[in-house]
Amino acid sequence: ELENQLTTKSKTLDELKESLASNGSAEQTPEAQSLRIAELCEMKDSIVNQVAQLKASMQSILEQWRVYDEIYAEVSLMTTRYLYCIDQCKPSGEEASLEALKKQVKTLQ
């Protein structure tokens, strides 16, 4: 959206330059108007550069969030698996007898 607005403002500024070149103005001298337009062009160029830097930064941040989301999903899945395994490995209230351990091994297999 900012890029579109800057494009619109650039066109308006170009039209202003053309208007100044062809008409001039009684309110200000042509030199003063040219100086003001040059200042506006510099400001516009500066803003265009800032928007480009912002866009690059945002793309980098979005890529980092994408990587984070992938890693988070992987860690979440691993955590769920480990919790399931821990739950399956708990003794089932029986004494830790050989028979109970054999039963638990069968369950795990």
Protein backbone atom coordinates (compact mmCIF):
# COMPACT_ATOMS: atom_id res chain seq x y z
CA GLU A 1 0.00 0.00 0.00
CA LEU A 2 2.85 2.37 0.85
CA GLU A 3 4.49 1.61 -2.46
CA ASN A 4 1.26 2.41 -4.30
CA GLN A 5 0.88 5.69 -2.42
CA LEU A 6 4.48 6.61 -3.21
CA THR A 7 3.91 5.89 -6.90
CA THR A 8 0.86 8.16 -6.85
CA LYS A 9 2.77 10.93 -5.07
CA SER A 10 5.66 10.56 -7.54
CA LYS A 11 3.27 11.07 -10.43
CA THR A 12 1.80 14.13 -8.72
CA LEU A 13 5.29 15.51 -8.18
CA ASP A 14 6.18 14.93 -11.83
CA GLU A 15 3.00 16.74 -12.89
CA LEU A 16 3.96 19.62 -10.59
CA LYS A 17 7.39 19.81 -12.21
CA GLU A 18 5.84 19.91 -15.67
CA SER A 19 3.32 22.52 -14.58
CA LEU A 20 6.10 24.67 -13.14
CA ALA A 21 8.15 24.35 -16.28
CA SER A 22 5.29 25.42 -18.52
CA ASN A 23 3.39 27.97 -16.39
CA GLY A 24 5.43 29.30 -13.54
CA SER A 25 3.66 31.01 -10.66
CA ALA A 26 3.13 34.57 -9.52
CA GLU A 27 3.26 33.60 -5.85
CA GLN A 28 6.84 32.30 -5.81
CA THR A 29 9.85 32.79 -7.98
CA PRO A 30 10.65 29.92 -10.36
CA GLU A 31 13.92 29.37 -8.49
CA ALA A 32 12.11 29.00 -5.13
CA GLN A 33 9.60 26.62 -6.67
CA SER A 34 12.36 24.57 -8.28
CA LEU A 35 14.20 24.40 -4.96
CA ARG A 36 11.05 23.27 -3.14
CA ILE A 37 10.34 20.63 -5.77
CA ALA A 38 13.93 19.38 -5.51
CA GLU A 39 13.50 19.09 -1.72
CA LEU A 40 10.27 17.17 -2.22
CA CYS A 41 12.00 14.82 -4.68
CA GLU A 42 14.79 14.16 -2.17
CA MET A 43 12.23 13.46 0.55
CA LYS A 44 10.33 11.12 -1.76
CA ASP A 45 13.53 9.25 -2.69
CA SER A 46 14.41 8.91 0.98
CA ILE A 47 10.96 7.50 1.77
CA VAL A 48 11.19 5.09 -1.17
CA ASN A 49 14.50 3.80 0.21
CA GLN A 50 13.06 3.45 3.71
CA VAL A 51 10.06 1.53 2.39
CA ALA A 52 12.39 -0.80 0.44
CA GLN A 53 14.43 -1.43 3.61
CA LEU A 54 11.25 -2.01 5.60
CA LYS A 55 9.99 -4.47 3.01
CA ALA A 56 13.27 -6.42 3.09
CA SER A 57 13.20 -6.49 6.90
CA MET A 58 9.60 -7.67 6.95
CA GLN A 59 10.36 -10.45 4.46
CA SER A 60 13.26 -11.57 6.65
CA ILE A 61 11.05 -11.51 9.75
CA LEU A 62 8.31 -13.47 7.97
CA GLU A 63 10.86 -16.10 6.92
CA GLN A 64 12.10 -16.37 10.51
CA TRP A 65 8.53 -16.84 11.76
CA ARG A 66 7.94 -19.52 9.12
CA VAL A 67 11.03 -21.41 10.31
CA TYR A 68 9.91 -20.94 13.92
CA ASP A 69 6.46 -22.35 13.13
CA GLU A 70 8.00 -25.41 11.44
CA ILE A 71 10.34 -26.08 14.35
CA TYR A 72 7.56 -25.49 16.89
CA ALA A 73 5.33 -28.02 15.13
CA GLU A 74 8.15 -30.56 15.10
CA VAL A 75 8.93 -30.03 18.80
CA SER A 76 5.25 -30.21 19.68
CA LEU A 77 4.92 -33.54 17.86
CA MET A 78 8.04 -34.91 19.57
CA THR A 79 6.73 -33.79 22.97
CA THR A 80 3.43 -35.53 22.35
CA ARG A 81 5.26 -38.71 21.38
CA TYR A 82 7.47 -38.59 24.47
CA LEU A 83 4.49 -37.98 26.76
CA TYR A 84 2.75 -40.97 25.19
CA CYS A 85 5.82 -43.15 25.71
CA ILE A 86 6.18 -42.01 29.32
CA ASP A 87 2.53 -42.77 29.91
CA GLN A 88 2.95 -46.25 28.44
CA CYS A 89 6.05 -46.94 30.53
CA LYS A 90 4.44 -46.16 33.88
CA PRO A 91 3.93 -49.16 36.12
CA SER A 92 0.26 -50.09 36.12
CA GLY A 93 -0.25 -50.11 39.88
CA GLU A 94 0.93 -53.71 40.11
CA GLU A 95 4.07 -54.64 41.92
CA ALA A 96 7.18 -54.45 39.82
CA SER A 97 7.19 -58.18 39.37
CA LEU A 98 8.66 -60.09 36.50
CA GLU A 99 5.18 -60.83 35.16
CA ALA A 100 4.22 -57.14 35.25
CA LEU A 101 7.39 -56.21 33.41
CA LYS A 102 6.78 -58.88 30.76
CA LYS A 103 3.23 -57.57 30.29
CA GLN A 104 4.57 -54.03 29.91
CA VAL A 105 7.11 -55.17 27.31
CA LYS A 106 4.32 -56.83 25.32
CA THR A 107 2.26 -53.63 25.52
CA LEU A 108 5.17 -51.56 24.27
CA GLN A 109 5.85 -53.96 21.40
